[in-house]
Amino acid sequence: MWNLILRIAGSSAGIWLASEFVNGVQVSGNWKTFVIIGVVLGVVNFFIKPILDVLSLPLKILTLGLFSLIINMTLVWLIDIIFVELVINGLIPLFWTTALIWLANFVLGKWLPAK
């Protein structure tokens, strides 16, 4: 449960960071919008991403792990499609948004280790 909460917080923080610092990423709404997007992205990353990781293991081995980035970018792109409040214009902003979400989750995971 703690890992899910950390992923939700990291996803919300990453989306906020991207909307503030990445050109081509806009989020309309207030802090509740970031929380809702973070909840959906956190749940998707917690439940669906492990399944995709197992299914794509041969591709991850062939690409030396680079395919993980493609999976993460695809999940963020799907969240962009689901939420009209989130607008990511182009592949480069999508890459940086994915990188910031990963960074926020990484930092939270290191500062607040799982119980």
PDB file of N, CA and C in Angstrom:
ATOM      1  N   MET A   1       0.822  -1.196   0.000  1.00  0.00           N
ATOM      2  CA  MET A   1       0.000   0.000   0.000  1.00  0.00           C
ATOM      3  C   MET A   1       0.869   1.264   0.000  1.00  0.00           C
ATOM      4  N   TRP A   2       1.960   1.210   0.774  1.00  0.00           N
ATOM      5  CA  TRP A   2       2.863   2.355   0.848  1.00  0.00           C
ATOM      6  C   TRP A   2       3.488   2.638  -0.519  1.00  0.00           C
ATOM      7  N   ASN A   3       3.845   1.584  -1.263  1.00  0.00           N
ATOM      8  CA  ASN A   3       4.423   1.771  -2.600  1.00  0.00           C
ATOM      9  C   ASN A   3       3.431   2.442  -3.548  1.00  0.00           C
ATOM     10  N   LEU A   4       2.164   2.077  -3.442  1.00  0.00           N
ATOM     11  CA  LEU A   4       1.141   2.692  -4.282  1.00  0.00           C
ATOM     12  C   LEU A   4       1.006   4.179  -3.956  1.00  0.00           C
ATOM     13  N   ILE A   5       1.010   4.514  -2.681  1.00  0.00           N
ATOM     14  CA  ILE A   5       0.911   5.920  -2.276  1.00  0.00           C
ATOM     15  C   ILE A   5       2.118   6.707  -2.781  1.00  0.00           C
ATOM     16  N   LEU A   6       3.306   6.102  -2.694  1.00  0.00           N
ATOM     17  CA  LEU A   6       4.506   6.773  -3.203  1.00  0.00           C
ATOM     18  C   LEU A   6       4.426   6.985  -4.709  1.00  0.00           C
ATOM     19  N   ARG A   7       3.913   6.010  -5.425  1.00  0.00           N
ATOM     20  CA  ARG A   7       3.791   6.159  -6.889  1.00  0.00           C
ATOM     21  C   ARG A   7       2.786   7.244  -7.257  1.00  0.00           C
ATOM     22  N   ILE A   8       1.695   7.315  -6.508  1.00  0.00           N
ATOM     23  CA  ILE A   8       0.700   8.361  -6.759  1.00  0.00           C
ATOM     24  C   ILE A   8       1.308   9.734  -6.495  1.00  0.00           C
ATOM     25  N   ALA A   9       2.018   9.871  -5.374  1.00  0.00           N
ATOM     26  CA  ALA A   9       2.653  11.154  -5.051  1.00  0.00           C
ATOM     27  C   ALA A   9       3.724  11.503  -6.079  1.00  0.00           C
ATOM     28  N   GLY A  10       4.521  10.526  -6.473  1.00  0.00           N
ATOM     29  CA  GLY A  10       5.559  10.775  -7.472  1.00  0.00           C
ATOM     30  C   GLY A  10       4.984  11.144  -8.828  1.00  0.00           C
ATOM     31  N   SER A  11       3.910  10.486  -9.209  1.00  0.00           N
ATOM     32  CA  SER A  11       3.273  10.796 -10.491  1.00  0.00           C
ATOM     33  C   SER A  11       2.680  12.200 -10.477  1.00  0.00           C
ATOM     34  N   SER A  12       2.022  12.556  -9.384  1.00  0.00           N
ATOM     35  CA  SER A  12       1.460  13.908  -9.265  1.00  0.00           C
ATOM     36  C   SER A  12       2.562  14.957  -9.307  1.00  0.00           C
ATOM     37  N   ALA A  13       3.641  14.709  -8.566  1.00  0.00           N
ATOM     38  CA  ALA A  13       4.761  15.656  -8.547  1.00  0.00           C
ATOM     39  C   ALA A  13       5.420  15.753  -9.919  1.00  0.00           C
ATOM     40  N   GLY A  14       5.582  14.628 -10.594  1.00  0.00           N
ATOM     41  CA  GLY A  14       6.195  14.638 -11.919  1.00  0.00           C
ATOM     42  C   GLY A  14       5.363  15.389 -12.940  1.00  0.00           C
ATOM     43  N   ILE A  15       4.054  15.212 -12.895  1.00  0.00           N
ATOM     44  CA  ILE A  15       3.165  15.947 -13.803  1.00  0.00           C
ATOM     45  C   ILE A  15       3.237  17.441 -13.503  1.00  0.00           C
ATOM     46  N   TRP A  16       3.261  17.793 -12.218  1.00  0.00           N
ATOM     47  CA  TRP A  16       3.370  19.205 -11.851  1.00  0.00           C
ATOM     48  C   TRP A  16       4.691  19.789 -12.346  1.00  0.00           C
ATOM     49  N   LEU A  17       5.797  19.072 -12.118  1.00  0.00           N
ATOM     50  CA  LEU A  17       7.106  19.543 -12.580  1.00  0.00           C
ATOM     51  C   LEU A  17       7.120  19.735 -14.096  1.00  0.00           C
ATOM     52  N   ALA A  18       6.542  18.785 -14.808  1.00  0.00           N
ATOM     53  CA  ALA A  18       6.507  18.884 -16.270  1.00  0.00           C
ATOM     54  C   ALA A  18       5.685  20.091 -16.714  1.00  0.00           C
ATOM     55  N   SER A  19       4.550  20.331 -16.052  1.00  0.00           N
ATOM     56  CA  SER A  19       3.720  21.469 -16.450  1.00  0.00           C
ATOM     57  C   SER A  19       4.406  22.798 -16.155  1.00  0.00           C
ATOM     58  N   GLU A  20       5.288  22.813 -15.166  1.00  0.00           N
ATOM     59  CA  GLU A  20       5.995  24.041 -14.816  1.00  0.00           C
ATOM     60  C   GLU A  20       7.241  24.272 -15.671  1.00  0.00           C
ATOM     61  N   PHE A  21       7.965  23.214 -16.014  1.00  0.00           N
ATOM     62  CA  PHE A  21       9.298  23.378 -16.584  1.00  0.00           C
ATOM     63  C   PHE A  21       9.472  22.871 -18.017  1.00  0.00           C
ATOM     64  N   VAL A  22       8.504  22.164 -18.560  1.00  0.00           N
ATOM     65  CA  VAL A  22       8.651  21.611 -19.912  1.00  0.00           C
ATOM     66  C   VAL A  22       7.743  22.383 -20.865  1.00  0.00           C
ATOM     67  N   ASN A  23       8.350  22.979 -21.881  1.00  0.00           N
ATOM     68  CA  ASN A  23       7.553  23.647 -22.910  1.00  0.00           C
ATOM     69  C   ASN A  23       6.758  22.594 -23.672  1.00  0.00           C
ATOM     70  N   GLY A  24       5.473  22.857 -23.866  1.00  0.00           N
ATOM     71  CA  GLY A  24       4.635  21.913 -24.586  1.00  0.00           C
ATOM     72  C   GLY A  24       3.795  21.038 -23.681  1.00  0.00           C
ATOM     73  N   VAL A  25       3.867  21.269 -22.377  1.00  0.00           N
ATOM     74  CA  VAL A  25       3.040  20.518 -21.425  1.00  0.00           C
ATOM     75  C   VAL A  25       2.193  21.524 -20.654  1.00  0.00           C
ATOM     76  N   GLN A  26       0.881  21.368 -20.759  1.00  0.00           N
ATOM     77  CA  GLN A  26      -0.042  22.230 -20.030  1.00  0.00           C
ATOM     78  C   GLN A  26      -1.036  21.369 -19.266  1.00  0.00           C
ATOM     79  N   VAL A  27      -1.342  21.816 -18.059  1.00  0.00           N
ATOM     80  CA  VAL A  27      -2.392  21.182 -17.262  1.00  0.00           C
ATOM     81  C   VAL A  27      -3.348  22.286 -16.850  1.00  0.00           C
ATOM     82  N   SER A  28      -4.600  22.170 -17.281  1.00  0.00           N
ATOM     83  CA  SER A  28      -5.601  23.154 -16.885  1.00  0.00           C
ATOM     84  C   SER A  28      -6.314  22.635 -15.643  1.00  0.00           C
ATOM     85  N   GLY A  29      -6.536  23.524 -14.723  1.00  0.00           N
ATOM     86  CA  GLY A  29      -7.187  23.136 -13.475  1.00  0.00           C
ATOM     87  C   GLY A  29      -6.313  23.486 -12.292  1.00  0.00           C
ATOM     88  N   ASN A  30      -6.762  23.053 -11.119  1.00  0.00           N
ATOM     89  CA  ASN A  30      -6.036  23.365  -9.894  1.00  0.00           C
ATOM     90  C   ASN A  30      -5.290  22.135  -9.392  1.00  0.00           C
ATOM     91  N   TRP A  31      -4.913  22.137  -8.138  1.00  0.00           N
ATOM     92  CA  TRP A  31      -4.122  21.044  -7.571  1.00  0.00           C
ATOM     93  C   TRP A  31      -4.880  19.725  -7.598  1.00  0.00           C
ATOM     94  N   LYS A  32      -6.208  19.776  -7.577  1.00  0.00           N
ATOM     95  CA  LYS A  32      -6.996  18.538  -7.615  1.00  0.00           C
ATOM     96  C   LYS A  32      -6.787  17.797  -8.939  1.00  0.00           C
ATOM     97  N   THR A  33      -6.595  18.555 -10.005  1.00  0.00           N
ATOM     98  CA  THR A  33      -6.341  17.945 -11.310  1.00  0.00           C
ATOM     99  C   THR A  33      -5.051  17.143 -11.282  1.00  0.00           C
ATOM    100  N   PHE A  34      -4.007  17.712 -10.674  1.00  0.00           N
ATOM    101  CA  PHE A  34      -2.733  16.996 -10.565  1.00  0.00           C
ATOM    102  C   PHE A  34      -2.885  15.728  -9.734  1.00  0.00           C
ATOM    103  N   VAL A  35      -3.674  15.817  -8.669  1.00  0.00           N
ATOM    104  CA  VAL A  35      -3.874  14.646  -7.806  1.00  0.00           C
ATOM    105  C   VAL A  35      -4.629  13.553  -8.557  1.00  0.00           C
ATOM    106  N   ILE A  36      -5.674  13.925  -9.271  1.00  0.00           N
ATOM    107  CA  ILE A  36      -6.466  12.929 -10.005  1.00  0.00           C
ATOM    108  C   ILE A  36      -5.622  12.273 -11.102  1.00  0.00           C
ATOM    109  N   ILE A  37      -4.882  13.083 -11.854  1.00  0.00           N
ATOM    110  CA  ILE A  37      -4.002  12.519 -12.882  1.00  0.00           C
ATOM    111  C   ILE A  37      -2.948  11.634 -12.235  1.00  0.00           C
ATOM    112  N   GLY A  38      -2.403  12.077 -11.114  1.00  0.00           N
ATOM    113  CA  GLY A  38      -1.404  11.286 -10.396  1.00  0.00           C
ATOM    114  C   GLY A  38      -1.953   9.970  -9.885  1.00  0.00           C
ATOM    115  N   VAL A  39      -3.203   9.985  -9.409  1.00  0.00           N
ATOM    116  CA  VAL A  39      -3.823   8.743  -8.930  1.00  0.00           C
ATOM    117  C   VAL A  39      -3.964   7.749 -10.075  1.00  0.00           C
ATOM    118  N   VAL A  40      -4.485   8.199 -11.198  1.00  0.00           N
ATOM    119  CA  VAL A  40      -4.681   7.288 -12.333  1.00  0.00           C
ATOM    120  C   VAL A  40      -3.335   6.781 -12.848  1.00  0.00           C
ATOM    121  N   LEU A  41      -2.371   7.678 -13.004  1.00  0.00           N
ATOM    122  CA  LEU A  41      -1.057   7.260 -13.491  1.00  0.00           C
ATOM    123  C   LEU A  41      -0.357   6.357 -12.483  1.00  0.00           C
ATOM    124  N   GLY A  42      -0.486   6.667 -11.202  1.00  0.00           N
ATOM    125  CA  GLY A  42       0.113   5.823 -10.169  1.00  0.00           C
ATOM    126  C   GLY A  42      -0.481   4.428 -10.147  1.00  0.00           C
ATOM    127  N   VAL A  43      -1.790   4.333 -10.281  1.00  0.00           N
ATOM    128  CA  VAL A  43      -2.453   3.025 -10.301  1.00  0.00           C
ATOM    129  C   VAL A  43      -2.055   2.248 -11.555  1.00  0.00           C
ATOM    130  N   VAL A  44      -2.003   2.927 -12.694  1.00  0.00           N
ATOM    131  CA  VAL A  44      -1.579   2.267 -13.935  1.00  0.00           C
ATOM    132  C   VAL A  44      -0.146   1.756 -13.799  1.00  0.00           C
ATOM    133  N   ASN A  45       0.738   2.591 -13.254  1.00  0.00           N
ATOM    134  CA  ASN A  45       2.132   2.172 -13.066  1.00  0.00           C
ATOM    135  C   ASN A  45       2.260   1.047 -12.051  1.00  0.00           C
ATOM    136  N   PHE A  46       1.395   1.027 -11.066  1.00  0.00           N
ATOM    137  CA  PHE A  46       1.489   0.019 -10.012  1.00  0.00           C
ATOM    138  C   PHE A  46       0.942  -1.335 -10.459  1.00  0.00           C
ATOM    139  N   PHE A  47      -0.156  -1.331 -11.216  1.00  0.00           N
ATOM    140  CA  PHE A  47      -0.813  -2.586 -11.570  1.00  0.00           C
ATOM    141  C   PHE A  47      -0.527  -3.058 -13.000  1.00  0.00           C
ATOM    142  N   ILE A  48      -0.544  -2.161 -13.971  1.00  0.00           N
ATOM    143  CA  ILE A  48      -0.434  -2.559 -15.375  1.00  0.00           C
ATOM    144  C   ILE A  48       1.017  -2.633 -15.843  1.00  0.00           C
ATOM    145  N   LYS A  49       1.860  -1.706 -15.396  1.00  0.00           N
ATOM    146  CA  LYS A  49       3.252  -1.680 -15.854  1.00  0.00           C
ATOM    147  C   LYS A  49       4.013  -2.963 -15.545  1.00  0.00           C
ATOM    148  N   PRO A  50       3.853  -3.585 -14.370  1.00  0.00           N
ATOM    149  CA  PRO A  50       4.569  -4.855 -14.149  1.00  0.00           C
ATOM    150  C   PRO A  50       4.183  -5.950 -15.144  1.00  0.00           C
ATOM    151  N   ILE A  51       2.927  -5.970 -15.548  1.00  0.00           N
ATOM    152  CA  ILE A  51       2.483  -6.953 -16.536  1.00  0.00           C
ATOM    153  C   ILE A  51       3.139  -6.663 -17.884  1.00  0.00           C
ATOM    154  N   LEU A  52       3.161  -5.390 -18.273  1.00  0.00           N
ATOM    155  CA  LEU A  52       3.812  -5.012 -19.531  1.00  0.00           C
ATOM    156  C   LEU A  52       5.311  -5.286 -19.487  1.00  0.00           C
ATOM    157  N   ASP A  53       5.919  -5.102 -18.317  1.00  0.00           N
ATOM    158  CA  ASP A  53       7.353  -5.389 -18.182  1.00  0.00           C
ATOM    159  C   ASP A  53       7.651  -6.865 -18.422  1.00  0.00           C
ATOM    160  N   VAL A  54       6.813  -7.731 -17.890  1.00  0.00           N
ATOM    161  CA  VAL A  54       7.029  -9.175 -18.080  1.00  0.00           C
ATOM    162  C   VAL A  54       6.792  -9.562 -19.539  1.00  0.00           C
ATOM    163  N   LEU A  55       5.729  -9.034 -20.131  1.00  0.00           N
ATOM    164  CA  LEU A  55       5.418  -9.373 -21.518  1.00  0.00           C
ATOM    165  C   LEU A  55       6.479  -8.857 -22.495  1.00  0.00           C
ATOM    166  N   SER A  56       7.113  -7.749 -22.156  1.00  0.00           N
ATOM    167  CA  SER A  56       8.096  -7.163 -23.075  1.00  0.00           C
ATOM    168  C   SER A  56       9.531  -7.518 -22.704  1.00  0.00           C
ATOM    169  N   LEU A  57       9.717  -8.491 -21.853  1.00  0.00           N
ATOM    170  CA  LEU A  57      11.065  -8.852 -21.407  1.00  0.00           C
ATOM    171  C   LEU A  57      12.025  -9.160 -22.563  1.00  0.00           C
ATOM    172  N   PRO A  58      11.614  -9.921 -23.584  1.00  0.00           N
ATOM    173  CA  PRO A  58      12.555 -10.158 -24.694  1.00  0.00           C
ATOM    174  C   PRO A  58      12.995  -8.866 -25.392  1.00  0.00           C
ATOM    175  N   LEU A  59      12.058  -7.937 -25.584  1.00  0.00           N
ATOM    176  CA  LEU A  59      12.425  -6.661 -26.211  1.00  0.00           C
ATOM    177  C   LEU A  59      13.330  -5.838 -25.307  1.00  0.00           C
ATOM    178  N   LYS A  60      13.088  -5.903 -24.007  1.00  0.00           N
ATOM    179  CA  LYS A  60      13.942  -5.170 -23.070  1.00  0.00           C
ATOM    180  C   LYS A  60      15.357  -5.733 -23.074  1.00  0.00           C
ATOM    181  N   ILE A  61      15.474  -7.038 -23.217  1.00  0.00           N
ATOM    182  CA  ILE A  61      16.804  -7.654 -23.282  1.00  0.00           C
ATOM    183  C   ILE A  61      17.505  -7.254 -24.575  1.00  0.00           C
ATOM    184  N   LEU A  62      16.776  -7.296 -25.697  1.00  0.00           N
ATOM    185  CA  LEU A  62      17.371  -6.937 -26.988  1.00  0.00           C
ATOM    186  C   LEU A  62      17.805  -5.474 -27.049  1.00  0.00           C
ATOM    187  N   THR A  63      17.052  -4.601 -26.385  1.00  0.00           N
ATOM    188  CA  THR A  63      17.370  -3.169 -26.439  1.00  0.00           C
ATOM    189  C   THR A  63      18.153  -2.705 -25.216  1.00  0.00           C
ATOM    190  N   LEU A  64      18.631  -3.650 -24.421  1.00  0.00           N
ATOM    191  CA  LEU A  64      19.406  -3.345 -23.216  1.00  0.00           C
ATOM    192  C   LEU A  64      18.639  -2.429 -22.256  1.00  0.00           C
ATOM    193  N   GLY A  65      17.346  -2.660 -22.144  1.00  0.00           N
ATOM    194  CA  GLY A  65      16.513  -1.923 -21.198  1.00  0.00           C
ATOM    195  C   GLY A  65      15.877  -0.670 -21.745  1.00  0.00           C
ATOM    196  N   LEU A  66      16.235  -0.266 -22.951  1.00  0.00           N
ATOM    197  CA  LEU A  66      15.698   0.963 -23.520  1.00  0.00           C
ATOM    198  C   LEU A  66      14.195   0.870 -23.781  1.00  0.00           C
ATOM    199  N   PHE A  67      13.693  -0.343 -23.972  1.00  0.00           N
ATOM    200  CA  PHE A  67      12.262  -0.500 -24.234  1.00  0.00           C
ATOM    201  C   PHE A  67      11.423  -0.094 -23.027  1.00  0.00           C
ATOM    202  N   SER A  68      12.003  -0.078 -21.836  1.00  0.00           N
ATOM    203  CA  SER A  68      11.289   0.401 -20.646  1.00  0.00           C
ATOM    204  C   SER A  68      10.865   1.853 -20.822  1.00  0.00           C
ATOM    205  N   LEU A  69      11.721   2.639 -21.454  1.00  0.00           N
ATOM    206  CA  LEU A  69      11.382   4.034 -21.724  1.00  0.00           C
ATOM    207  C   LEU A  69      10.179   4.125 -22.654  1.00  0.00           C
ATOM    208  N   ILE A  70      10.127   3.266 -23.652  1.00  0.00           N
ATOM    209  CA  ILE A  70       8.993   3.251 -24.582  1.00  0.00           C
ATOM    210  C   ILE A  70       7.707   2.890 -23.842  1.00  0.00           C
ATOM    211  N   ILE A  71       7.770   1.915 -22.946  1.00  0.00           N
ATOM    212  CA  ILE A  71       6.594   1.531 -22.161  1.00  0.00           C
ATOM    213  C   ILE A  71       6.128   2.703 -21.308  1.00  0.00           C
ATOM    214  N   ASN A  72       7.062   3.347 -20.610  1.00  0.00           N
ATOM    215  CA  ASN A  72       6.702   4.478 -19.753  1.00  0.00           C
ATOM    216  C   ASN A  72       6.118   5.632 -20.556  1.00  0.00           C
ATOM    217  N   MET A  73       6.713   5.932 -21.702  1.00  0.00           N
ATOM    218  CA  MET A  73       6.190   7.008 -22.544  1.00  0.00           C
ATOM    219  C   MET A  73       4.800   6.670 -23.067  1.00  0.00           C
ATOM    220  N   THR A  74       4.574   5.412 -23.393  1.00  0.00           N
ATOM    221  CA  THR A  74       3.255   4.994 -23.866  1.00  0.00           C
ATOM    222  C   THR A  74       2.203   5.156 -22.778  1.00  0.00           C
ATOM    223  N   LEU A  75       2.542   4.799 -21.552  1.00  0.00           N
ATOM    224  CA  LEU A  75       1.589   4.947 -20.452  1.00  0.00           C
ATOM    225  C   LEU A  75       1.267   6.419 -20.198  1.00  0.00           C
ATOM    226  N   VAL A  76       2.268   7.283 -20.251  1.00  0.00           N
ATOM    227  CA  VAL A  76       2.018   8.718 -20.070  1.00  0.00           C
ATOM    228  C   VAL A  76       1.193   9.253 -21.239  1.00  0.00           C
ATOM    229  N   TRP A  77       1.471   8.785 -22.441  1.00  0.00           N
ATOM    230  CA  TRP A  77       0.693   9.201 -23.608  1.00  0.00           C
ATOM    231  C   TRP A  77      -0.777   8.789 -23.460  1.00  0.00           C
ATOM    232  N   LEU A  78      -1.025   7.578 -22.951  1.00  0.00           N
ATOM    233  CA  LEU A  78      -2.407   7.138 -22.727  1.00  0.00           C
ATOM    234  C   LEU A  78      -3.111   8.011 -21.692  1.00  0.00           C
ATOM    235  N   ILE A  79      -2.391   8.409 -20.657  1.00  0.00           N
ATOM    236  CA  ILE A  79      -2.969   9.311 -19.661  1.00  0.00           C
ATOM    237  C   ILE A  79      -3.277  10.661 -20.304  1.00  0.00           C
ATOM    238  N   ASP A  80      -2.423  11.101 -21.213  1.00  0.00           N
ATOM    239  CA  ASP A  80      -2.662  12.344 -21.948  1.00  0.00           C
ATOM    240  C   ASP A  80      -3.940  12.240 -22.776  1.00  0.00           C
ATOM    241  N   ILE A  81      -4.189  11.082 -23.351  1.00  0.00           N
ATOM    242  CA  ILE A  81      -5.408  10.882 -24.141  1.00  0.00           C
ATOM    243  C   ILE A  81      -6.643  10.861 -23.244  1.00  0.00           C
ATOM    244  N   ILE A  82      -6.535  10.236 -22.086  1.00  0.00           N
ATOM    245  CA  ILE A  82      -7.682  10.092 -21.184  1.00  0.00           C
ATOM    246  C   ILE A  82      -8.114  11.437 -20.602  1.00  0.00           C
ATOM    247  N   PHE A  83      -7.162  12.255 -20.189  1.00  0.00           N
ATOM    248  CA  PHE A  83      -7.474  13.512 -19.511  1.00  0.00           C
ATOM    249  C   PHE A  83      -7.349  14.681 -20.479  1.00  0.00           C
ATOM    250  N   VAL A  84      -8.470  15.379 -20.691  1.00  0.00           N
ATOM    251  CA  VAL A  84      -8.429  16.555 -21.562  1.00  0.00           C
ATOM    252  C   VAL A  84      -7.717  17.714 -20.874  1.00  0.00           C
ATOM    253  N   GLU A  85      -7.606  17.670 -19.546  1.00  0.00           N
ATOM    254  CA  GLU A  85      -6.914  18.734 -18.816  1.00  0.00           C
ATOM    255  C   GLU A  85      -5.397  18.691 -19.028  1.00  0.00           C
ATOM    256  N   LEU A  86      -4.889  17.535 -19.411  1.00  0.00           N
ATOM    257  CA  LEU A  86      -3.456  17.361 -19.649  1.00  0.00           C
ATOM    258  C   LEU A  86      -3.200  17.393 -21.152  1.00  0.00           C
ATOM    259  N   VAL A  87      -2.335  18.313 -21.574  1.00  0.00           N
ATOM    260  CA  VAL A  87      -1.991  18.429 -22.988  1.00  0.00           C
ATOM    261  C   VAL A  87      -0.473  18.345 -23.111  1.00  0.00           C
ATOM    262  N   ILE A  88      -0.006  17.330 -23.834  1.00  0.00           N
ATOM    263  CA  ILE A  88       1.421  17.169 -24.113  1.00  0.00           C
ATOM    264  C   ILE A  88       1.582  17.253 -25.624  1.00  0.00           C
ATOM    265  N   ASN A  89       2.254  18.312 -26.069  1.00  0.00           N
ATOM    266  CA  ASN A  89       2.396  18.583 -27.500  1.00  0.00           C
ATOM    267  C   ASN A  89       3.716  18.061 -28.030  1.00  0.00           C
ATOM    268  N   GLY A  90       3.718  16.852 -28.553  1.00  0.00           N
ATOM    269  CA  GLY A  90       4.903  16.344 -29.218  1.00  0.00           C
ATOM    270  C   GLY A  90       5.653  15.285 -28.439  1.00  0.00           C
ATOM    271  N   LEU A  91       6.608  14.696 -29.143  1.00  0.00           N
ATOM    272  CA  LEU A  91       7.382  13.586 -28.598  1.00  0.00           C
ATOM    273  C   LEU A  91       8.432  14.046 -27.588  1.00  0.00           C
ATOM    274  N   ILE A  92       9.056  15.185 -27.827  1.00  0.00           N
ATOM    275  CA  ILE A  92      10.089  15.680 -26.906  1.00  0.00           C
ATOM    276  C   ILE A  92       9.473  16.059 -25.554  1.00  0.00           C
ATOM    277  N   PRO A  93       8.376  16.822 -25.512  1.00  0.00           N
ATOM    278  CA  PRO A  93       7.751  17.075 -24.210  1.00  0.00           C
ATOM    279  C   PRO A  93       7.267  15.790 -23.525  1.00  0.00           C
ATOM    280  N   LEU A  94       6.817  14.814 -24.315  1.00  0.00           N
ATOM    281  CA  LEU A  94       6.411  13.531 -23.740  1.00  0.00           C
ATOM    282  C   LEU A  94       7.602  12.831 -23.093  1.00  0.00           C
ATOM    283  N   PHE A  95       8.756  12.867 -23.758  1.00  0.00           N
ATOM    284  CA  PHE A  95       9.968  12.270 -23.194  1.00  0.00           C
ATOM    285  C   PHE A  95      10.342  12.941 -21.879  1.00  0.00           C
ATOM    286  N   TRP A  96      10.363  14.280 -21.862  1.00  0.00           N
ATOM    287  CA  TRP A  96      10.763  14.991 -20.644  1.00  0.00           C
ATOM    288  C   TRP A  96       9.739  14.826 -19.532  1.00  0.00           C
ATOM    289  N   THR A  97       8.463  14.746 -19.879  1.00  0.00           N
ATOM    290  CA  THR A  97       7.439  14.485 -18.864  1.00  0.00           C
ATOM    291  C   THR A  97       7.655  13.117 -18.246  1.00  0.00           C
ATOM    292  N   THR A  98       7.908  12.124 -19.073  1.00  0.00           N
ATOM    293  CA  THR A  98       8.179  10.774 -18.574  1.00  0.00           C
ATOM    294  C   THR A  98       9.422  10.763 -17.696  1.00  0.00           C
ATOM    295  N   ALA A  99      10.457  11.481 -18.111  1.00  0.00           N
ATOM    296  CA  ALA A  99      11.691  11.536 -17.322  1.00  0.00           C
ATOM    297  C   ALA A  99      11.454  12.201 -15.968  1.00  0.00           C
ATOM    298  N   LEU A 100      10.665  13.265 -15.932  1.00  0.00           N
ATOM    299  CA  LEU A 100      10.389  13.940 -14.660  1.00  0.00           C
ATOM    300  C   LEU A 100       9.528  13.087 -13.737  1.00  0.00           C
ATOM    301  N   ILE A 101       8.587  12.345 -14.299  1.00  0.00           N
ATOM    302  CA  ILE A 101       7.783  11.434 -13.478  1.00  0.00           C
ATOM    303  C   ILE A 101       8.677  10.349 -12.894  1.00  0.00           C
ATOM    304  N   TRP A 102       9.574   9.806 -13.723  1.00  0.00           N
ATOM    305  CA  TRP A 102      10.507   8.798 -13.221  1.00  0.00           C
ATOM    306  C   TRP A 102      11.386   9.380 -12.120  1.00  0.00           C
ATOM    307  N   LEU A 103      11.896  10.593 -12.334  1.00  0.00           N
ATOM    308  CA  LEU A 103      12.769  11.228 -11.353  1.00  0.00           C
ATOM    309  C   LEU A 103      12.038  11.474 -10.035  1.00  0.00           C
ATOM    310  N   ALA A 104      10.804  11.958 -10.107  1.00  0.00           N
ATOM    311  CA  ALA A 104      10.031  12.197  -8.884  1.00  0.00           C
ATOM    312  C   ALA A 104       9.779  10.890  -8.141  1.00  0.00           C
ATOM    313  N   ASN A 105       9.436   9.837  -8.866  1.00  0.00           N
ATOM    314  CA  ASN A 105       9.229   8.534  -8.219  1.00  0.00           C
ATOM    315  C   ASN A 105      10.527   7.997  -7.625  1.00  0.00           C
ATOM    316  N   PHE A 106      11.634   8.195  -8.310  1.00  0.00           N
ATOM    317  CA  PHE A 106      12.936   7.739  -7.822  1.00  0.00           C
ATOM    318  C   PHE A 106      13.319   8.466  -6.532  1.00  0.00           C
ATOM    319  N   VAL A 107      13.177   9.784  -6.538  1.00  0.00           N
ATOM    320  CA  VAL A 107      13.544  10.571  -5.357  1.00  0.00           C
ATOM    321  C   VAL A 107      12.656  10.215  -4.174  1.00  0.00           C
ATOM    322  N   LEU A 108      11.359  10.117  -4.398  1.00  0.00           N
ATOM    323  CA  LEU A 108      10.464   9.742  -3.297  1.00  0.00           C
ATOM    324  C   LEU A 108      10.766   8.342  -2.791  1.00  0.00           C
ATOM    325  N   GLY A 109      11.103   7.441  -3.690  1.00  0.00           N
ATOM    326  CA  GLY A 109      11.438   6.080  -3.282  1.00  0.00           C
ATOM    327  C   GLY A 109      12.707   6.011  -2.456  1.00  0.00           C
ATOM    328  N   LYS A 110      13.659   6.908  -2.732  1.00  0.00           N
ATOM    329  CA  LYS A 110      14.913   6.934  -1.964  1.00  0.00           C
ATOM    330  C   LYS A 110      14.745   7.650  -0.630  1.00  0.00           C
ATOM    331  N   TRP A 111      13.980   8.739  -0.622  1.00  0.00           N
ATOM    332  CA  TRP A 111      13.801   9.502   0.614  1.00  0.00           C
ATOM    333  C   TRP A 111      12.820   8.850   1.562  1.00  0.00           C
ATOM    334  N   LEU A 112      11.806   8.222   1.006  1.00  0.00           N
ATOM    335  CA  LEU A 112      10.776   7.573   1.823  1.00  0.00           C
ATOM    336  C   LEU A 112      10.740   6.094   1.471  1.00  0.00           C
ATOM    337  N   PRO A 113      11.678   5.304   1.974  1.00  0.00           N
ATOM    338  CA  PRO A 113      11.733   3.890   1.592  1.00  0.00           C
ATOM    339  C   PRO A 113      10.472   3.136   2.011  1.00  0.00           C
ATOM    340  N   ALA A 114      10.216   2.060   1.298  1.00  0.00           N
ATOM    341  CA  ALA A 114       9.025   1.241   1.568  1.00  0.00           C
ATOM    342  C   ALA A 114       9.089   0.668   2.971  1.00  0.00           C
ATOM    343  N   LYS A 115       7.923   0.573   3.567  1.00  0.00           N
ATOM    344  CA  LYS A 115       7.839   0.032   4.929  1.00  0.00           C
ATOM    345  C   LYS A 115       7.687  -1.465   4.900  1.00  0.00           C
TER     346      LYS A 115
END
